[in-house]
Amino acid sequence: MWTISFGSLSGSGLLQGNSSGVHTLSVGALNTDSTFSGLIKDTSGTVALSKVGSGTLTLTGVNTYTGGTAVNAGSLVISTVSSANGTYTVANNATLAVTNVSSGSALVSNLTVSAGSTLEFQNISSTTVPPIASSNVTVSGSCMVKINGTNSLVTGNSYPLLSYAGTLSGTFMNLQLQMPYGWRGTLASVGKQIVLTNVAVVATTPPQVTTVPGSSQLQLAWPATHTGWRLQVQTNWLNSGLGTNWTDIPATFTNQIAVPISTVNGSVFYRLVYP
C-alpha cells in the first residue's frame, strides 16, 4: 500500500494501481483549481482518491477506480460518465459536485454526506435519469443540496437528482435546498430517489405586501409570483425604530401567512427578502 500526493492534478494521461493493495492518490494540497481529463483506474491494485486543500478538482474522464473517494476539503467535481463505483464520503465544509455531460448517471457505491457538507448538481436536464446512481446513502447531518445552472430548467418539471438501490439512512429533512437566483423548488423523496420538484421562476422585483388585521391575527399576503421570498420580523419599541435583528418566519413556498397579534410587543416590523 502507498499514498502519492499531488499538489494539483491537471492535463490528461493514465493513473493506475499496478501492485496489489489499496493505493491512495491525495490531490489538492496547493489549494488551487485544476482539471484532469485522463483516466484513473484499478489494475492489479485498487486506487482510492483523497481530495484535500481548498481548491476545486474537476475530473472529466470515465474513471473506473473502486478504492473509494474521500472529499476532505474543497470541492471535487465528477461527471455523469464517471464509473468510479466506490464509497464516497463528503466531509464538513467540503463539496461533491456532479456535472451533467451525458444521458447516464455517475456510479457511486455508498455515499455518506457529513453535517455541513454540500452536494452540488450542475446543469441538470433529465426528468427521468438522476445524475448520481448509488447503492446506499447516509445523511449524517444538515447538508446543502445546491442546484447550479438554469439553462435546462423548465417550470413545472421534476428532476431526479440521486437514486439509491438500497437504503437512505439519516433524516431526509436534513437536506437543505439551494436554488439558483430567480428559481425555487422543493426536495422530495419519491420511491428510491431524491427529486427536485415544484420548479418555478421567482419574480425578483420588490413586491407589495397587503395586510388584513383581525381580532387576534394579522393576515399578510404578497403576489404568488414572489413565492419563495422570505418573510422576516423584528420586534422593537416604537421609539427605537428599525434595528438589525431580523429573523425569518417559517413561510417558505407560500405567499400568505397569518401571524398572531400580541399586545405585549411595543411594535412589530415585517419585511420580505430574496434570496
Protein backbone atom coordinates (compact mmCIF):
# COMPACT_ATOMS: atom_id res chain seq x y z
CA MET A 1 0.00 0.00 0.00
CA TRP A 2 1.16 3.52 -0.73
CA THR A 3 -0.01 7.13 -0.88
CA ILE A 4 1.17 9.52 -3.56
CA SER A 5 0.45 13.20 -3.12
CA PHE A 6 -0.17 15.76 -5.87
CA GLY A 7 -0.32 19.45 -5.03
CA SER A 8 -2.65 19.68 -8.03
CA LEU A 9 -3.60 17.38 -10.88
CA SER A 10 -4.26 18.61 -14.40
CA GLY A 11 -3.95 17.58 -18.02
CA SER A 12 -4.58 14.05 -19.28
CA GLY A 13 -2.98 10.63 -19.09
CA LEU A 14 -3.39 7.43 -17.11
CA LEU A 15 -3.15 6.81 -13.36
CA GLN A 16 -3.49 3.20 -12.28
CA GLY A 17 -2.64 0.80 -9.48
CA ASN A 18 -0.09 -1.72 -10.76
CA SER A 19 0.61 -3.55 -7.49
CA SER A 20 -1.65 -5.34 -5.04
CA GLY A 21 -3.37 -3.48 -2.23
CA VAL A 22 -5.15 -0.16 -1.93
CA HIS A 23 -3.18 2.83 -3.17
CA THR A 24 -4.34 6.38 -2.44
CA LEU A 25 -3.97 9.46 -4.60
CA SER A 26 -4.01 12.57 -2.40
CA VAL A 27 -4.74 15.65 -4.52
CA GLY A 28 -5.04 19.37 -3.78
CA ALA A 29 -2.53 20.46 -1.15
CA LEU A 30 -1.61 23.55 -3.21
CA ASN A 31 -5.17 24.86 -2.74
CA THR A 32 -5.59 25.62 -6.45
CA ASP A 33 -8.25 24.70 -9.02
CA SER A 34 -7.36 22.08 -11.62
CA THR A 35 -8.95 19.78 -14.21
CA PHE A 36 -7.83 16.25 -15.06
CA SER A 37 -9.32 14.70 -18.19
CA GLY A 38 -7.37 11.44 -18.05
CA LEU A 39 -8.28 8.03 -16.67
CA ILE A 40 -7.89 6.79 -13.10
CA LYS A 41 -8.38 3.04 -12.81
CA ASP A 42 -7.55 -0.12 -10.88
CA THR A 43 -5.25 -2.72 -12.39
CA SER A 44 -3.68 -5.36 -10.16
CA GLY A 45 -4.17 -2.95 -7.27
CA THR A 46 -7.04 -0.77 -6.13
CA VAL A 47 -6.86 3.02 -6.42
CA ALA A 48 -8.51 5.39 -3.93
CA LEU A 49 -8.77 9.19 -4.10
CA SER A 50 -8.44 11.72 -1.29
CA LYS A 51 -9.34 15.33 -2.16
CA VAL A 52 -7.55 17.77 0.16
CA GLY A 53 -6.98 21.52 0.09
CA SER A 54 -9.41 24.38 -0.51
CA GLY A 55 -9.36 24.30 -4.33
CA THR A 56 -11.62 22.54 -6.82
CA LEU A 57 -10.53 19.34 -8.57
CA THR A 58 -12.55 18.54 -11.69
CA LEU A 59 -12.40 15.01 -13.10
CA THR A 60 -13.91 14.74 -16.57
CA GLY A 61 -12.72 11.25 -17.52
CA VAL A 62 -14.55 7.92 -17.48
CA ASN A 63 -12.81 6.88 -14.28
CA THR A 64 -13.22 3.31 -13.07
CA TYR A 65 -11.21 3.13 -9.83
CA THR A 66 -13.08 1.48 -6.94
CA GLY A 67 -10.98 2.17 -3.85
CA GLY A 68 -13.21 4.92 -2.55
CA THR A 69 -13.29 8.70 -2.72
CA ALA A 70 -12.91 10.99 0.30
CA VAL A 71 -13.72 14.65 -0.25
CA ASN A 72 -11.94 16.01 2.81
CA ALA A 73 -11.80 19.68 1.82
CA GLY A 74 -12.59 22.00 -1.06
CA SER A 75 -14.62 20.66 -3.98
CA LEU A 76 -14.49 17.56 -6.14
CA VAL A 77 -16.39 17.71 -9.42
CA ILE A 78 -17.15 14.50 -11.28
CA SER A 79 -19.33 13.99 -14.33
CA THR A 80 -22.18 11.71 -15.29
CA VAL A 81 -19.74 9.49 -17.24
CA SER A 82 -17.86 8.55 -14.06
CA SER A 83 -17.84 4.84 -13.21
CA ALA A 84 -15.65 5.12 -10.11
CA ASN A 85 -18.10 2.90 -8.27
CA GLY A 86 -16.61 3.03 -4.78
CA THR A 87 -17.57 4.53 -1.44
CA TYR A 88 -17.81 8.35 -1.38
CA THR A 89 -17.58 10.41 1.79
CA VAL A 90 -18.01 14.19 1.91
CA ALA A 91 -16.65 15.99 4.97
CA ASN A 92 -17.89 19.10 6.75
CA ASN A 93 -17.36 22.23 4.60
CA ALA A 94 -16.47 20.08 1.56
CA THR A 95 -18.42 19.75 -1.70
CA LEU A 96 -19.08 16.85 -4.04
CA ALA A 97 -20.45 18.09 -7.37
CA VAL A 98 -21.63 16.21 -10.42
CA THR A 99 -21.97 17.89 -13.79
CA ASN A 100 -24.33 16.62 -16.44
CA VAL A 101 -22.48 15.76 -19.67
CA SER A 102 -24.30 12.60 -20.78
CA SER A 103 -27.58 10.72 -20.63
CA GLY A 104 -26.33 8.46 -17.84
CA SER A 105 -25.55 8.60 -14.14
CA ALA A 106 -22.30 8.80 -12.22
CA LEU A 107 -21.99 5.46 -10.40
CA VAL A 108 -21.41 5.51 -6.64
CA SER A 109 -21.43 2.64 -4.16
CA ASN A 110 -22.15 4.06 -0.68
CA LEU A 111 -22.47 7.83 -0.37
CA THR A 112 -22.07 9.49 3.04
CA VAL A 113 -22.55 13.24 3.47
CA SER A 114 -21.50 14.86 6.73
CA ALA A 115 -23.14 17.76 8.53
CA GLY A 116 -22.10 21.00 6.86
CA SER A 117 -21.21 19.38 3.52
CA THR A 118 -22.65 20.17 0.09
CA LEU A 119 -23.95 18.06 -2.79
CA GLU A 120 -23.97 20.14 -5.97
CA PHE A 121 -25.80 19.25 -9.18
CA GLN A 122 -24.71 21.16 -12.27
CA ASN A 123 -26.80 21.67 -15.43
CA ILE A 124 -29.44 19.06 -14.64
CA SER A 125 -31.81 18.41 -17.53
CA SER A 126 -33.24 14.88 -17.44
CA THR A 127 -36.68 14.28 -15.94
CA THR A 128 -36.00 10.54 -15.76
CA VAL A 129 -32.28 9.85 -15.15
CA PRO A 130 -30.56 11.09 -11.96
CA PRO A 131 -27.02 12.50 -12.17
CA ILE A 132 -25.93 10.11 -9.38
CA ALA A 133 -26.91 6.46 -9.03
CA SER A 134 -25.79 4.97 -5.72
CA SER A 135 -26.22 1.82 -3.68
CA ASN A 136 -26.85 3.40 -0.27
CA VAL A 137 -26.97 6.97 1.03
CA THR A 138 -26.24 8.20 4.56
CA VAL A 139 -27.13 11.75 5.61
CA SER A 140 -25.16 12.42 8.79
CA GLY A 141 -26.49 15.92 9.48
CA SER A 142 -27.70 19.10 7.82
CA CYS A 143 -26.37 19.04 4.24
CA MET A 144 -26.80 21.56 1.44
CA VAL A 145 -28.18 20.36 -1.89
CA LYS A 146 -27.16 23.02 -4.39
CA ILE A 147 -28.56 23.37 -7.91
CA ASN A 148 -26.16 25.13 -10.29
CA GLY A 149 -27.21 26.14 -13.81
CA THR A 150 -30.64 27.09 -15.13
CA ASN A 151 -30.40 26.65 -18.90
CA SER A 152 -32.30 23.35 -18.87
CA LEU A 153 -34.73 24.01 -16.02
CA VAL A 154 -38.39 24.15 -17.04
CA THR A 155 -41.15 25.46 -14.81
CA GLY A 156 -43.37 22.64 -13.60
CA ASN A 157 -40.89 19.85 -14.28
CA SER A 158 -39.41 17.47 -11.71
CA TYR A 159 -35.82 16.27 -11.88
CA PRO A 160 -34.38 13.18 -10.14
CA LEU A 161 -31.07 14.10 -8.51
CA LEU A 162 -29.97 10.96 -6.72
CA SER A 163 -31.13 7.35 -6.74
CA TYR A 164 -30.24 4.58 -4.33
CA ALA A 165 -30.80 0.87 -4.79
CA GLY A 166 -30.54 0.08 -1.08
CA THR A 167 -31.36 2.38 1.82
CA LEU A 168 -31.39 6.05 2.76
CA SER A 169 -30.07 6.41 6.31
CA GLY A 170 -30.42 9.55 8.38
CA THR A 171 -33.06 12.27 8.16
CA PHE A 172 -34.28 13.33 4.72
CA MET A 173 -35.30 16.73 6.14
CA ASN A 174 -31.60 17.43 6.81
CA LEU A 175 -31.18 18.02 3.07
CA GLN A 176 -31.48 21.78 2.57
CA LEU A 177 -32.11 23.00 -0.98
CA GLN A 178 -30.30 25.98 -2.52
CA MET A 179 -31.72 27.01 -5.89
CA PRO A 180 -30.13 29.39 -8.43
CA TYR A 181 -31.11 33.04 -8.15
CA GLY A 182 -34.59 33.62 -9.55
CA TRP A 183 -35.74 29.99 -9.15
CA ARG A 184 -37.44 27.96 -6.47
CA GLY A 185 -38.18 24.30 -5.90
CA THR A 186 -38.53 21.64 -3.23
CA LEU A 187 -36.85 18.34 -2.49
CA ALA A 188 -38.98 15.22 -2.33
CA SER A 189 -38.31 11.58 -1.54
CA VAL A 190 -40.02 9.58 -4.28
CA GLY A 191 -39.55 5.83 -4.20
CA LYS A 192 -35.79 5.37 -4.04
CA GLN A 193 -34.96 8.76 -5.48
CA ILE A 194 -34.33 12.25 -4.17
CA VAL A 195 -36.15 14.53 -6.59
CA LEU A 196 -36.18 18.25 -7.29
CA THR A 197 -39.83 19.18 -7.75
CA ASN A 198 -42.14 22.22 -7.81
CA VAL A 199 -39.63 24.03 -10.03
CA ALA A 200 -40.71 27.58 -10.83
CA VAL A 201 -39.39 31.04 -11.61
CA VAL A 202 -39.42 33.59 -8.79
CA ALA A 203 -40.06 37.27 -9.51
CA THR A 204 -37.16 39.29 -8.08
CA THR A 205 -38.63 42.81 -8.17
CA PRO A 206 -39.79 44.08 -4.73
CA PRO A 207 -43.45 43.15 -4.19
CA GLN A 208 -46.29 44.93 -2.41
CA VAL A 209 -47.34 43.27 0.86
CA THR A 210 -51.00 43.58 1.83
CA THR A 211 -52.20 43.38 5.42
CA VAL A 212 -55.63 42.47 6.78
CA PRO A 213 -55.90 42.87 10.57
CA GLY A 214 -58.22 40.71 12.65
CA SER A 215 -59.08 40.46 16.31
CA SER A 216 -56.22 38.09 17.10
CA GLN A 217 -54.29 37.64 13.84
CA LEU A 218 -52.71 39.73 11.13
CA GLN A 219 -53.03 38.32 7.61
CA LEU A 220 -50.03 39.11 5.36
CA ALA A 221 -50.04 38.35 1.62
CA TRP A 222 -47.91 39.08 -1.42
CA PRO A 223 -48.13 38.07 -5.12
CA ALA A 224 -47.90 34.36 -5.95
CA THR A 225 -45.12 35.19 -8.41
CA HIS A 226 -42.97 36.00 -5.37
CA THR A 227 -43.46 32.65 -3.66
CA GLY A 228 -40.03 31.76 -2.36
CA TRP A 229 -39.29 35.15 -0.79
CA ARG A 230 -38.55 35.02 2.94
CA LEU A 231 -40.74 36.87 5.42
CA GLN A 232 -38.72 38.37 8.28
CA VAL A 233 -39.76 40.01 11.53
CA GLN A 234 -38.27 42.12 14.28
CA THR A 235 -39.81 43.43 17.48
CA ASN A 236 -38.67 46.78 18.90
CA TRP A 237 -40.17 49.58 20.93
CA LEU A 238 -41.65 52.19 18.63
CA ASN A 239 -39.27 54.94 19.76
CA SER A 240 -36.31 52.66 18.90
CA GLY A 241 -37.29 52.20 15.25
CA LEU A 242 -35.80 49.57 12.99
CA GLY A 243 -32.76 47.59 14.06
CA THR A 244 -30.73 44.78 12.53
CA ASN A 245 -32.34 41.94 14.49
CA TRP A 246 -34.36 40.47 11.61
CA THR A 247 -35.34 36.80 11.93
CA ASP A 248 -37.02 34.51 9.39
CA ILE A 249 -40.61 33.38 9.82
CA PRO A 250 -41.16 29.83 8.52
CA ALA A 251 -43.22 30.83 5.48
CA THR A 252 -41.24 29.18 2.72
CA PHE A 253 -43.07 28.32 -0.53
CA THR A 254 -46.13 30.36 0.29
CA ASN A 255 -47.34 33.86 -0.43
CA GLN A 256 -49.52 34.38 2.60
CA ILE A 257 -49.35 33.84 6.34
CA ALA A 258 -51.38 34.65 9.42
CA VAL A 259 -49.36 35.86 12.41
CA PRO A 260 -50.75 36.22 15.93
CA ILE A 261 -51.22 39.70 17.34
CA SER A 262 -49.56 40.22 20.72
CA THR A 263 -50.41 43.29 22.78
CA VAL A 264 -47.23 42.77 24.80
CA ASN A 265 -44.97 43.83 21.92
CA GLY A 266 -44.27 47.53 21.61
CA SER A 267 -44.08 47.35 17.80
CA VAL A 268 -43.51 44.63 15.23
CA PHE A 269 -41.94 45.14 11.79
CA TYR A 270 -42.11 42.79 8.81
CA ARG A 271 -40.23 42.67 5.52
CA LEU A 272 -39.77 40.34 2.53
CA VAL A 273 -36.27 39.48 1.33
CA TYR A 274 -34.87 37.42 -1.54
CA PRO A 275 -32.99 35.20 -1.74
